[in-house]
Amino acid sequence: MKFHENIAETAALSPDYLGFIFYDKSARYFENDIPSMATSIQKTGVFVNASFDEIAAKVKQHKLDLVQLHGEESPEFCQTIEEKLVKVIKTFNINKQFNFRHLENYFNFCSFYLFDTKGNQYGGNGIAFDWTLLENYHLPKPYFLSGGIGPEKLKELQLFLQNDTAKNCHAIDLNSKFETKPGWKNQETLKTFIQNLKQQL
């Protein structure tokens, strides 16, 4: 999220999480104050290879509930954030070569994983990865499913969520496919998608 009016409109749809990107190379880079919203919505700050002090400052300034670490952050760094600041969502970029054993190194040091598509940049590639690869996911930690999920993926997503591979899928990350410009979400498209998805679960 990026724009105040759009944040308020999206918050009215009662999402579980709203994300704010604190990575200055992103078109969605957030530089404002986060407006007030229902306490049931968890404010999540997204960082890429940021320092502890930078993350701590943003957590304090915006009263963030979680941070999503989208770079090459080490297990030890994740542990420090979890112990001293807030819960961590650690992102991993998935392709056919991804070794799911790598996740074990982070198991005790973050609260959630986030599985995104391996691309040329840190997130925001707008492409879905092959979800059947998650059949190789062998850990009980809950995860966020991300990467190019839009209205055209509704039926496929409904089927995915009904099978055993998705038993630890905690949340669905909806982003670029619902935007009219970076950081601005189309409310009608988003609302319709959420309603249709929930009807089938």
N, C-alpha and C. Protein backbone atom coordinates (compact mmCIF):
# COMPACT_ATOMS: atom_id res chain seq x y z
N MET A 1 0.84 -1.18 0.00
CA MET A 1 0.00 0.00 0.00
C MET A 1 0.88 1.24 0.00
N LYS A 2 0.31 2.33 -0.59
CA LYS A 2 1.13 3.54 -0.72
C LYS A 2 0.37 4.83 -0.48
N PHE A 3 -0.90 4.89 -0.90
CA PHE A 3 -1.65 6.14 -0.88
C PHE A 3 -2.75 6.12 0.19
N HIS A 4 -2.86 7.23 0.95
CA HIS A 4 -3.75 7.26 2.11
C HIS A 4 -5.19 6.88 1.78
N GLU A 5 -5.76 7.49 0.75
CA GLU A 5 -7.16 7.21 0.40
C GLU A 5 -7.34 5.74 0.06
N ASN A 6 -6.42 5.20 -0.70
CA ASN A 6 -6.50 3.81 -1.12
C ASN A 6 -6.27 2.86 0.05
N ILE A 7 -5.42 3.25 0.98
CA ILE A 7 -5.20 2.44 2.19
C ILE A 7 -6.50 2.33 2.98
N ALA A 8 -7.20 3.45 3.15
CA ALA A 8 -8.46 3.45 3.90
C ALA A 8 -9.51 2.58 3.21
N GLU A 9 -9.59 2.68 1.88
CA GLU A 9 -10.56 1.88 1.12
C GLU A 9 -10.25 0.39 1.25
N THR A 10 -8.98 0.05 1.18
CA THR A 10 -8.58 -1.35 1.26
C THR A 10 -8.77 -1.89 2.67
N ALA A 11 -8.47 -1.08 3.66
CA ALA A 11 -8.67 -1.49 5.05
C ALA A 11 -10.14 -1.78 5.34
N ALA A 12 -11.04 -1.10 4.63
CA ALA A 12 -12.48 -1.32 4.82
C ALA A 12 -12.90 -2.71 4.36
N LEU A 13 -12.07 -3.38 3.55
CA LEU A 13 -12.36 -4.75 3.11
C LEU A 13 -11.92 -5.78 4.16
N SER A 14 -11.37 -5.31 5.26
CA SER A 14 -10.96 -6.15 6.41
C SER A 14 -9.95 -7.23 6.04
N PRO A 15 -8.85 -6.86 5.39
CA PRO A 15 -7.80 -7.86 5.16
C PRO A 15 -7.12 -8.21 6.48
N ASP A 16 -6.46 -9.34 6.52
CA ASP A 16 -5.73 -9.72 7.74
C ASP A 16 -4.45 -8.92 7.88
N TYR A 17 -3.84 -8.57 6.74
CA TYR A 17 -2.57 -7.85 6.74
C TYR A 17 -2.60 -6.76 5.67
N LEU A 18 -1.88 -5.67 5.93
CA LEU A 18 -1.59 -4.68 4.90
C LEU A 18 -0.09 -4.46 4.89
N GLY A 19 0.49 -4.46 3.69
CA GLY A 19 1.94 -4.34 3.57
C GLY A 19 2.38 -2.96 3.13
N PHE A 20 3.51 -2.52 3.69
CA PHE A 20 4.10 -1.21 3.37
C PHE A 20 5.58 -1.42 3.07
N ILE A 21 5.99 -1.03 1.87
CA ILE A 21 7.34 -1.34 1.41
C ILE A 21 8.31 -0.22 1.77
N PHE A 22 9.33 -0.57 2.53
CA PHE A 22 10.36 0.37 2.93
C PHE A 22 11.68 0.01 2.22
N TYR A 23 11.60 -0.09 0.93
CA TYR A 23 12.73 -0.40 0.07
C TYR A 23 12.74 0.65 -1.02
N ASP A 24 13.72 1.57 -0.99
CA ASP A 24 13.64 2.77 -1.81
C ASP A 24 13.79 2.53 -3.31
N LYS A 25 14.13 1.32 -3.71
CA LYS A 25 14.22 1.02 -5.14
C LYS A 25 12.88 0.50 -5.70
N SER A 26 11.89 0.37 -4.84
CA SER A 26 10.58 -0.12 -5.25
C SER A 26 9.68 1.04 -5.68
N ALA A 27 8.87 0.80 -6.71
CA ALA A 27 7.90 1.80 -7.14
C ALA A 27 6.81 2.00 -6.09
N ARG A 28 6.71 1.07 -5.15
CA ARG A 28 5.70 1.16 -4.09
C ARG A 28 6.31 1.68 -2.76
N TYR A 29 7.48 2.25 -2.83
CA TYR A 29 8.18 2.74 -1.64
C TYR A 29 7.28 3.67 -0.84
N PHE A 30 7.15 3.38 0.47
CA PHE A 30 6.21 4.11 1.32
C PHE A 30 6.96 5.14 2.16
N GLU A 31 6.57 6.41 2.01
CA GLU A 31 7.26 7.50 2.71
C GLU A 31 6.35 8.29 3.63
N ASN A 32 5.10 7.93 3.75
CA ASN A 32 4.14 8.69 4.54
C ASN A 32 3.93 8.06 5.91
N ASP A 33 2.97 8.59 6.66
CA ASP A 33 2.54 7.97 7.90
C ASP A 33 1.39 7.02 7.58
N ILE A 34 1.33 5.90 8.27
CA ILE A 34 0.24 4.95 8.06
C ILE A 34 -1.00 5.46 8.78
N PRO A 35 -2.11 5.62 8.08
CA PRO A 35 -3.33 6.10 8.74
C PRO A 35 -3.88 5.06 9.72
N SER A 36 -4.70 5.51 10.63
CA SER A 36 -5.29 4.60 11.61
C SER A 36 -6.22 3.62 10.92
N MET A 37 -6.27 2.41 11.47
CA MET A 37 -7.11 1.36 10.90
C MET A 37 -7.48 0.38 12.01
N ALA A 38 -8.36 -0.55 11.71
CA ALA A 38 -8.79 -1.53 12.71
C ALA A 38 -7.58 -2.29 13.25
N THR A 39 -7.59 -2.54 14.55
CA THR A 39 -6.47 -3.25 15.16
C THR A 39 -6.39 -4.70 14.70
N SER A 40 -7.44 -5.21 14.09
CA SER A 40 -7.43 -6.59 13.57
C SER A 40 -6.54 -6.71 12.33
N ILE A 41 -6.23 -5.59 11.69
CA ILE A 41 -5.37 -5.58 10.51
C ILE A 41 -3.93 -5.42 10.97
N GLN A 42 -3.10 -6.37 10.61
CA GLN A 42 -1.71 -6.34 11.04
C GLN A 42 -0.86 -5.59 10.01
N LYS A 43 -0.23 -4.53 10.48
CA LYS A 43 0.60 -3.69 9.62
C LYS A 43 1.97 -4.36 9.45
N THR A 44 2.32 -4.59 8.20
CA THR A 44 3.53 -5.33 7.88
C THR A 44 4.49 -4.47 7.07
N GLY A 45 5.70 -4.33 7.57
CA GLY A 45 6.72 -3.59 6.86
C GLY A 45 7.58 -4.52 6.03
N VAL A 46 7.82 -4.17 4.78
CA VAL A 46 8.61 -5.01 3.87
C VAL A 46 9.99 -4.37 3.68
N PHE A 47 11.03 -5.16 3.92
CA PHE A 47 12.40 -4.66 3.86
C PHE A 47 13.27 -5.59 3.00
N VAL A 48 14.29 -5.02 2.39
CA VAL A 48 15.24 -5.79 1.58
C VAL A 48 16.65 -5.47 2.05
N ASN A 49 17.25 -6.41 2.73
CA ASN A 49 18.64 -6.27 3.20
C ASN A 49 18.86 -4.97 3.99
N ALA A 50 17.88 -4.59 4.78
CA ALA A 50 17.99 -3.39 5.62
C ALA A 50 18.76 -3.72 6.89
N SER A 51 19.29 -2.69 7.53
CA SER A 51 20.00 -2.88 8.80
C SER A 51 19.00 -3.04 9.94
N PHE A 52 19.49 -3.57 11.05
CA PHE A 52 18.62 -3.71 12.22
C PHE A 52 18.09 -2.34 12.65
N ASP A 53 18.96 -1.34 12.67
CA ASP A 53 18.55 -0.01 13.13
C ASP A 53 17.49 0.60 12.23
N GLU A 54 17.61 0.38 10.93
CA GLU A 54 16.60 0.90 10.00
C GLU A 54 15.25 0.24 10.25
N ILE A 55 15.26 -1.07 10.41
CA ILE A 55 14.01 -1.78 10.67
C ILE A 55 13.41 -1.37 12.01
N ALA A 56 14.26 -1.26 13.02
CA ALA A 56 13.78 -0.87 14.35
C ALA A 56 13.12 0.50 14.32
N ALA A 57 13.71 1.43 13.57
CA ALA A 57 13.16 2.78 13.48
C ALA A 57 11.77 2.77 12.83
N LYS A 58 11.60 1.99 11.76
CA LYS A 58 10.31 1.92 11.08
C LYS A 58 9.26 1.20 11.93
N VAL A 59 9.69 0.16 12.65
CA VAL A 59 8.76 -0.54 13.53
C VAL A 59 8.22 0.41 14.59
N LYS A 60 9.11 1.22 15.15
CA LYS A 60 8.70 2.18 16.18
C LYS A 60 7.85 3.30 15.60
N GLN A 61 8.28 3.86 14.47
CA GLN A 61 7.56 4.98 13.86
C GLN A 61 6.13 4.61 13.47
N HIS A 62 5.97 3.42 12.86
CA HIS A 62 4.67 3.04 12.31
C HIS A 62 3.92 2.01 13.16
N LYS A 63 4.52 1.63 14.29
CA LYS A 63 3.91 0.60 15.15
C LYS A 63 3.57 -0.66 14.34
N LEU A 64 4.57 -1.14 13.62
CA LEU A 64 4.39 -2.32 12.78
C LEU A 64 4.17 -3.56 13.64
N ASP A 65 3.35 -4.48 13.14
CA ASP A 65 3.08 -5.74 13.84
C ASP A 65 4.01 -6.85 13.40
N LEU A 66 4.47 -6.79 12.14
CA LEU A 66 5.38 -7.78 11.59
C LEU A 66 6.32 -7.10 10.61
N VAL A 67 7.40 -7.80 10.28
CA VAL A 67 8.24 -7.36 9.16
C VAL A 67 8.40 -8.53 8.21
N GLN A 68 8.42 -8.21 6.93
CA GLN A 68 8.69 -9.19 5.88
C GLN A 68 10.08 -8.91 5.34
N LEU A 69 10.96 -9.89 5.45
CA LEU A 69 12.34 -9.73 5.01
C LEU A 69 12.51 -10.38 3.65
N HIS A 70 12.79 -9.57 2.64
CA HIS A 70 12.72 -10.01 1.25
C HIS A 70 14.08 -10.10 0.58
N GLY A 71 15.15 -10.03 1.36
CA GLY A 71 16.49 -10.08 0.78
C GLY A 71 17.23 -11.34 1.15
N GLU A 72 18.52 -11.20 1.38
CA GLU A 72 19.37 -12.35 1.73
C GLU A 72 19.66 -12.37 3.24
N GLU A 73 18.69 -11.98 4.04
CA GLU A 73 18.89 -11.92 5.48
C GLU A 73 19.20 -13.32 6.05
N SER A 74 20.14 -13.37 6.97
CA SER A 74 20.57 -14.64 7.56
C SER A 74 19.58 -15.12 8.62
N PRO A 75 19.64 -16.42 8.97
CA PRO A 75 18.82 -16.91 10.07
C PRO A 75 19.08 -16.14 11.36
N GLU A 76 20.34 -15.79 11.61
CA GLU A 76 20.70 -15.08 12.84
C GLU A 76 20.08 -13.68 12.86
N PHE A 77 20.03 -13.04 11.70
CA PHE A 77 19.41 -11.71 11.62
C PHE A 77 17.91 -11.81 11.89
N CYS A 78 17.27 -12.82 11.31
CA CYS A 78 15.84 -13.03 11.56
C CYS A 78 15.59 -13.27 13.05
N GLN A 79 16.45 -14.03 13.67
CA GLN A 79 16.31 -14.33 15.09
C GLN A 79 16.38 -13.04 15.92
N THR A 80 17.30 -12.17 15.57
CA THR A 80 17.45 -10.90 16.29
C THR A 80 16.19 -10.05 16.17
N ILE A 81 15.64 -9.97 14.96
CA ILE A 81 14.40 -9.20 14.76
C ILE A 81 13.26 -9.80 15.57
N GLU A 82 13.13 -11.11 15.54
CA GLU A 82 12.05 -11.78 16.28
C GLU A 82 12.19 -11.56 17.78
N GLU A 83 13.39 -11.64 18.28
CA GLU A 83 13.60 -11.55 19.73
C GLU A 83 13.51 -10.12 20.25
N LYS A 84 13.90 -9.14 19.43
CA LYS A 84 13.99 -7.77 19.92
C LYS A 84 12.91 -6.83 19.39
N LEU A 85 12.25 -7.21 18.29
CA LEU A 85 11.29 -6.30 17.68
C LEU A 85 9.91 -6.94 17.50
N VAL A 86 9.71 -7.59 16.37
CA VAL A 86 8.39 -8.15 16.03
C VAL A 86 8.57 -9.47 15.29
N LYS A 87 7.46 -10.10 14.96
CA LYS A 87 7.49 -11.36 14.21
C LYS A 87 8.02 -11.13 12.80
N VAL A 88 8.66 -12.17 12.28
CA VAL A 88 9.28 -12.11 10.96
C VAL A 88 8.58 -13.03 9.97
N ILE A 89 8.32 -12.49 8.77
CA ILE A 89 7.93 -13.29 7.61
C ILE A 89 9.15 -13.32 6.70
N LYS A 90 9.75 -14.48 6.52
CA LYS A 90 10.95 -14.57 5.68
C LYS A 90 10.58 -15.07 4.30
N THR A 91 10.97 -14.30 3.29
CA THR A 91 10.62 -14.60 1.91
C THR A 91 11.66 -15.50 1.24
N PHE A 92 11.17 -16.43 0.44
CA PHE A 92 12.03 -17.29 -0.38
C PHE A 92 11.47 -17.30 -1.80
N ASN A 93 12.36 -17.15 -2.77
CA ASN A 93 11.96 -17.12 -4.17
C ASN A 93 12.06 -18.52 -4.77
N ILE A 94 10.95 -19.00 -5.30
CA ILE A 94 10.82 -20.40 -5.68
C ILE A 94 10.92 -20.60 -7.19
N ASN A 95 11.72 -21.56 -7.57
CA ASN A 95 11.73 -22.07 -8.94
C ASN A 95 12.05 -23.56 -8.87
N LYS A 96 12.22 -24.20 -10.01
CA LYS A 96 12.44 -25.64 -10.02
C LYS A 96 13.74 -26.05 -9.35
N GLN A 97 14.68 -25.12 -9.24
CA GLN A 97 15.97 -25.44 -8.64
C GLN A 97 16.00 -25.19 -7.13
N PHE A 98 14.93 -24.62 -6.58
CA PHE A 98 14.94 -24.28 -5.16
C PHE A 98 15.05 -25.53 -4.29
N ASN A 99 15.95 -25.48 -3.32
CA ASN A 99 16.14 -26.59 -2.39
C ASN A 99 15.35 -26.30 -1.11
N PHE A 100 14.26 -27.01 -0.91
CA PHE A 100 13.40 -26.76 0.24
C PHE A 100 14.08 -27.10 1.57
N ARG A 101 15.17 -27.85 1.52
CA ARG A 101 15.93 -28.13 2.75
C ARG A 101 16.52 -26.84 3.33
N HIS A 102 16.72 -25.85 2.48
CA HIS A 102 17.27 -24.56 2.91
C HIS A 102 16.38 -23.90 3.96
N LEU A 103 15.10 -24.18 3.91
CA LEU A 103 14.15 -23.58 4.85
C LEU A 103 14.42 -24.01 6.29
N GLU A 104 15.02 -25.17 6.45
CA GLU A 104 15.27 -25.68 7.80
C GLU A 104 16.18 -24.74 8.59
N ASN A 105 17.07 -24.03 7.89
CA ASN A 105 17.99 -23.12 8.56
C ASN A 105 17.27 -21.97 9.25
N TYR A 106 16.06 -21.66 8.78
CA TYR A 106 15.30 -20.53 9.30
C TYR A 106 14.15 -20.96 10.21
N PHE A 107 13.96 -22.25 10.35
CA PHE A 107 12.73 -22.75 10.97
C PHE A 107 12.50 -22.16 12.36
N ASN A 108 13.52 -22.07 13.17
CA ASN A 108 13.36 -21.59 14.55
C ASN A 108 13.48 -20.08 14.69
N PHE A 109 13.68 -19.39 13.58
CA PHE A 109 14.03 -17.97 13.67
C PHE A 109 13.06 -17.04 12.96
N CYS A 110 11.95 -17.55 12.47
CA CYS A 110 10.91 -16.69 11.89
C CYS A 110 9.56 -17.32 12.18
N SER A 111 8.52 -16.51 12.10
CA SER A 111 7.17 -16.99 12.40
C SER A 111 6.46 -17.55 11.18
N PHE A 112 6.80 -16.99 10.01
CA PHE A 112 6.18 -17.42 8.76
C PHE A 112 7.23 -17.44 7.65
N TYR A 113 6.99 -18.28 6.66
CA TYR A 113 7.68 -18.18 5.39
C TYR A 113 6.75 -17.48 4.40
N LEU A 114 7.34 -16.88 3.37
CA LEU A 114 6.56 -16.39 2.24
C LEU A 114 7.22 -16.93 0.97
N PHE A 115 6.43 -17.59 0.14
CA PHE A 115 6.94 -18.18 -1.09
C PHE A 115 6.53 -17.31 -2.27
N ASP A 116 7.54 -16.76 -2.93
CA ASP A 116 7.33 -15.86 -4.07
C ASP A 116 7.99 -16.47 -5.31
N THR A 117 7.81 -15.82 -6.45
CA THR A 117 8.38 -16.30 -7.69
C THR A 117 9.81 -15.81 -7.87
N LYS A 118 10.69 -16.71 -8.24
CA LYS A 118 12.05 -16.32 -8.55
C LYS A 118 12.05 -15.46 -9.80
N GLY A 119 12.56 -14.21 -9.68
CA GLY A 119 12.56 -13.30 -10.82
C GLY A 119 13.81 -12.44 -10.84
N ASN A 120 13.77 -11.39 -11.63
CA ASN A 120 14.93 -10.52 -11.80
C ASN A 120 15.03 -9.43 -10.75
N GLN A 121 13.99 -9.32 -9.90
CA GLN A 121 14.02 -8.30 -8.88
C GLN A 121 13.44 -8.86 -7.59
N TYR A 122 13.58 -8.07 -6.50
CA TYR A 122 13.08 -8.50 -5.20
C TYR A 122 11.56 -8.31 -5.15
N GLY A 123 10.82 -9.34 -5.54
CA GLY A 123 9.36 -9.25 -5.51
C GLY A 123 8.82 -8.38 -6.63
N GLY A 124 7.49 -8.33 -6.72
CA GLY A 124 6.85 -7.48 -7.71
C GLY A 124 7.06 -7.90 -9.15
N ASN A 125 7.36 -9.18 -9.38
CA ASN A 125 7.57 -9.65 -10.74
C ASN A 125 6.26 -9.92 -11.48
N GLY A 126 5.16 -10.06 -10.72
CA GLY A 126 3.86 -10.26 -11.33
C GLY A 126 3.66 -11.60 -11.99
N ILE A 127 4.46 -12.58 -11.60
CA ILE A 127 4.40 -13.91 -12.22
C ILE A 127 4.19 -14.95 -11.13
N ALA A 128 3.32 -15.91 -11.38
CA ALA A 128 3.10 -17.00 -10.43
C ALA A 128 4.08 -18.13 -10.69
N PHE A 129 4.57 -18.75 -9.62
CA PHE A 129 5.40 -19.93 -9.82
C PHE A 129 4.52 -21.18 -9.86
N ASP A 130 5.11 -22.29 -10.18
CA ASP A 130 4.40 -23.56 -10.27
C ASP A 130 4.11 -24.07 -8.86
N TRP A 131 2.85 -23.96 -8.44
CA TRP A 131 2.50 -24.30 -7.05
C TRP A 131 2.68 -25.79 -6.75
N THR A 132 2.76 -26.63 -7.76
CA THR A 132 3.01 -28.05 -7.48
C THR A 132 4.39 -28.26 -6.87
N LEU A 133 5.28 -27.28 -7.01
CA LEU A 133 6.59 -27.38 -6.37
C LEU A 133 6.47 -27.44 -4.85
N LEU A 134 5.37 -26.94 -4.33
CA LEU A 134 5.17 -26.94 -2.88
C LEU A 134 4.88 -28.34 -2.34
N GLU A 135 4.72 -29.30 -3.22
CA GLU A 135 4.64 -30.69 -2.77
C GLU A 135 5.95 -31.11 -2.09
N ASN A 136 7.01 -30.34 -2.35
CA ASN A 136 8.31 -30.62 -1.73
C ASN A 136 8.47 -29.92 -0.38
N TYR A 137 7.48 -29.12 0.00
CA TYR A 137 7.55 -28.42 1.28
C TYR A 137 7.20 -29.40 2.40
N HIS A 138 8.12 -29.64 3.31
CA HIS A 138 7.98 -30.72 4.29
C HIS A 138 7.91 -30.24 5.73
N LEU A 139 7.83 -28.93 5.95
CA LEU A 139 7.86 -28.39 7.30
C LEU A 139 6.47 -27.92 7.74
N PRO A 140 6.20 -27.87 9.04
CA PRO A 140 4.88 -27.47 9.52
C PRO A 140 4.69 -25.97 9.68
N LYS A 141 5.69 -25.17 9.38
CA LYS A 141 5.55 -23.73 9.56
C LYS A 141 4.56 -23.14 8.56
N PRO A 142 3.66 -22.27 9.00
CA PRO A 142 2.70 -21.64 8.08
C PRO A 142 3.40 -20.70 7.10
N TYR A 143 2.81 -20.58 5.90
CA TYR A 143 3.43 -19.74 4.88
C TYR A 143 2.40 -18.86 4.17
N PHE A 144 2.92 -17.78 3.59
CA PHE A 144 2.15 -16.90 2.72
C PHE A 144 2.43 -17.33 1.29
N LEU A 145 1.39 -17.40 0.46
CA LEU A 145 1.55 -17.71 -0.96
C LEU A 145 1.52 -16.41 -1.74
N SER A 146 2.58 -16.15 -2.51
CA SER A 146 2.72 -14.89 -3.22
C SER A 146 3.15 -15.13 -4.66
N GLY A 147 3.16 -14.04 -5.42
CA GLY A 147 3.68 -14.12 -6.78
C GLY A 147 2.62 -14.14 -7.87
N GLY A 148 2.24 -12.98 -8.39
CA GLY A 148 1.38 -12.90 -9.56
C GLY A 148 -0.01 -13.49 -9.41
N ILE A 149 -0.57 -13.43 -8.21
CA ILE A 149 -1.92 -13.98 -7.99
C ILE A 149 -2.95 -12.90 -8.33
N GLY A 150 -3.79 -13.19 -9.32
CA GLY A 150 -4.81 -12.24 -9.75
C GLY A 150 -6.12 -12.93 -10.07
N PRO A 151 -7.11 -12.18 -10.56
CA PRO A 151 -8.43 -12.74 -10.85
C PRO A 151 -8.39 -13.96 -11.75
N GLU A 152 -7.46 -14.00 -12.70
CA GLU A 152 -7.40 -15.13 -13.63
C GLU A 152 -6.92 -16.41 -12.93
N LYS A 153 -6.42 -16.28 -11.71
CA LYS A 153 -5.93 -17.44 -10.96
C LYS A 153 -6.96 -17.98 -9.96
N LEU A 154 -8.16 -17.42 -9.96
CA LEU A 154 -9.15 -17.77 -8.94
C LEU A 154 -9.43 -19.26 -8.89
N LYS A 155 -9.81 -19.87 -10.01
CA LYS A 155 -10.17 -21.29 -10.02
C LYS A 155 -8.98 -22.16 -9.62
N GLU A 156 -7.82 -21.83 -10.15
CA GLU A 156 -6.62 -22.60 -9.83
C GLU A 156 -6.29 -22.48 -8.35
N LEU A 157 -6.47 -21.28 -7.80
CA LEU A 157 -6.19 -21.07 -6.38
C LEU A 157 -7.18 -21.83 -5.50
N GLN A 158 -8.44 -21.82 -5.89
CA GLN A 158 -9.46 -22.57 -5.13
C GLN A 158 -9.11 -24.05 -5.09
N LEU A 159 -8.69 -24.60 -6.21
CA LEU A 159 -8.31 -26.02 -6.26
C LEU A 159 -7.07 -26.28 -5.41
N PHE A 160 -6.10 -25.38 -5.51
CA PHE A 160 -4.87 -25.54 -4.72
C PHE A 160 -5.18 -25.57 -3.23
N LEU A 161 -6.03 -24.67 -2.77
CA LEU A 161 -6.32 -24.55 -1.34
C LEU A 161 -7.10 -25.74 -0.79
N GLN A 162 -7.67 -26.53 -1.68
CA GLN A 162 -8.44 -27.69 -1.24
C GLN A 162 -7.60 -28.95 -1.13
N ASN A 163 -6.33 -28.89 -1.56
CA ASN A 163 -5.53 -30.11 -1.49
C ASN A 163 -4.55 -30.07 -0.33
N ASP A 164 -3.93 -31.18 -0.06
CA ASP A 164 -3.09 -31.34 1.13
C ASP A 164 -1.85 -30.47 1.08
N THR A 165 -1.40 -30.12 -0.11
CA THR A 165 -0.21 -29.28 -0.26
C THR A 165 -0.40 -27.93 0.40
N ALA A 166 -1.65 -27.49 0.49
CA ALA A 166 -1.95 -26.16 1.02
C ALA A 166 -2.30 -26.16 2.50
N LYS A 167 -2.09 -27.29 3.19
CA LYS A 167 -2.54 -27.37 4.59
C LYS A 167 -1.88 -26.33 5.49
N ASN A 168 -0.67 -25.90 5.14
CA ASN A 168 0.02 -24.89 5.94
C ASN A 168 0.01 -23.51 5.30
N CYS A 169 -0.83 -23.34 4.27
CA CYS A 169 -0.96 -22.02 3.64
C CYS A 169 -1.76 -21.11 4.57
N HIS A 170 -1.11 -20.11 5.09
CA HIS A 170 -1.70 -19.23 6.10
C HIS A 170 -2.39 -18.02 5.48
N ALA A 171 -1.84 -17.50 4.38
CA ALA A 171 -2.37 -16.27 3.80
C ALA A 171 -2.04 -16.20 2.31
N ILE A 172 -2.84 -15.42 1.58
CA ILE A 172 -2.63 -15.20 0.15
C ILE A 172 -2.23 -13.74 -0.04
N ASP A 173 -1.11 -13.53 -0.71
CA ASP A 173 -0.60 -12.18 -0.95
C ASP A 173 -1.16 -11.66 -2.27
N LEU A 174 -1.98 -10.62 -2.18
CA LEU A 174 -2.61 -10.01 -3.36
C LEU A 174 -1.97 -8.65 -3.58
N ASN A 175 -1.38 -8.47 -4.76
CA ASN A 175 -0.65 -7.21 -4.96
C ASN A 175 -0.78 -6.70 -6.40
N SER A 176 0.21 -6.95 -7.22
CA SER A 176 0.33 -6.25 -8.50
C SER A 176 -0.84 -6.49 -9.46
N LYS A 177 -1.43 -7.68 -9.41
CA LYS A 177 -2.52 -8.00 -10.33
C LYS A 177 -3.81 -7.23 -10.01
N PHE A 178 -3.83 -6.54 -8.89
CA PHE A 178 -5.01 -5.78 -8.48
C PHE A 178 -4.74 -4.27 -8.52
N GLU A 179 -3.66 -3.87 -9.16
CA GLU A 179 -3.27 -2.48 -9.17
C GLU A 179 -3.60 -1.78 -10.49
N THR A 180 -3.97 -0.51 -10.38
CA THR A 180 -4.10 0.35 -11.56
C THR A 180 -2.82 1.14 -11.78
N LYS A 181 -2.01 1.27 -10.73
CA LYS A 181 -0.66 1.82 -10.78
C LYS A 181 0.06 1.30 -9.53
N PRO A 182 1.38 1.34 -9.49
CA PRO A 182 2.09 0.76 -8.34
C PRO A 182 1.61 1.34 -7.00
N GLY A 183 1.12 0.46 -6.15
CA GLY A 183 0.68 0.88 -4.83
C GLY A 183 -0.79 1.27 -4.73
N TRP A 184 -1.51 1.31 -5.86
CA TRP A 184 -2.93 1.70 -5.85
C TRP A 184 -3.77 0.49 -6.26
N LYS A 185 -4.58 -0.01 -5.32
CA LYS A 185 -5.39 -1.20 -5.55
C LYS A 185 -6.77 -0.85 -6.09
N ASN A 186 -7.21 -1.62 -7.09
CA ASN A 186 -8.56 -1.49 -7.63
C ASN A 186 -9.53 -2.16 -6.67
N GLN A 187 -10.36 -1.37 -6.01
CA GLN A 187 -11.19 -1.89 -4.94
C GLN A 187 -12.24 -2.90 -5.40
N GLU A 188 -12.87 -2.62 -6.53
CA GLU A 188 -13.92 -3.53 -7.00
C GLU A 188 -13.34 -4.89 -7.37
N THR A 189 -12.22 -4.88 -8.08
CA THR A 189 -11.58 -6.14 -8.47
C THR A 189 -11.14 -6.92 -7.24
N LEU A 190 -10.56 -6.22 -6.29
CA LEU A 190 -10.09 -6.85 -5.06
C LEU A 190 -11.25 -7.42 -4.25
N LYS A 191 -12.30 -6.63 -4.08
CA LYS A 191 -13.46 -7.06 -3.30
C LYS A 191 -14.12 -8.28 -3.92
N THR A 192 -14.31 -8.25 -5.23
CA THR A 192 -14.95 -9.37 -5.93
C THR A 192 -14.12 -10.65 -5.80
N PHE A 193 -12.81 -10.51 -5.96
CA PHE A 193 -11.93 -11.68 -5.86
C PHE A 193 -12.01 -12.30 -4.47
N ILE A 194 -11.94 -11.48 -3.44
CA ILE A 194 -11.97 -11.99 -2.06
C ILE A 194 -13.30 -12.68 -1.79
N GLN A 195 -14.39 -12.08 -2.22
CA GLN A 195 -15.71 -12.68 -2.01
C GLN A 195 -15.83 -14.02 -2.72
N ASN A 196 -15.40 -14.08 -3.96
CA ASN A 196 -15.49 -15.32 -4.72
C ASN A 196 -14.60 -16.41 -4.15
N LEU A 197 -13.42 -16.02 -3.68
CA LEU A 197 -12.51 -17.00 -3.10
C LEU A 197 -13.09 -17.60 -1.83
N LYS A 198 -13.64 -16.75 -0.97
CA LYS A 198 -14.18 -17.23 0.30
C LYS A 198 -15.42 -18.10 0.11
N GLN A 199 -16.19 -17.83 -0.91
CA GLN A 199 -17.39 -18.62 -1.18
C GLN A 199 -17.09 -20.07 -1.48
N GLN A 200 -15.89 -20.32 -2.02
CA GLN A 200 -15.54 -21.67 -2.44
C GLN A 200 -14.71 -22.44 -1.43
N LEU A 201 -14.41 -21.80 -0.28
CA LEU A 201 -13.55 -22.46 0.70
C LEU A 201 -14.37 -23.10 1.80
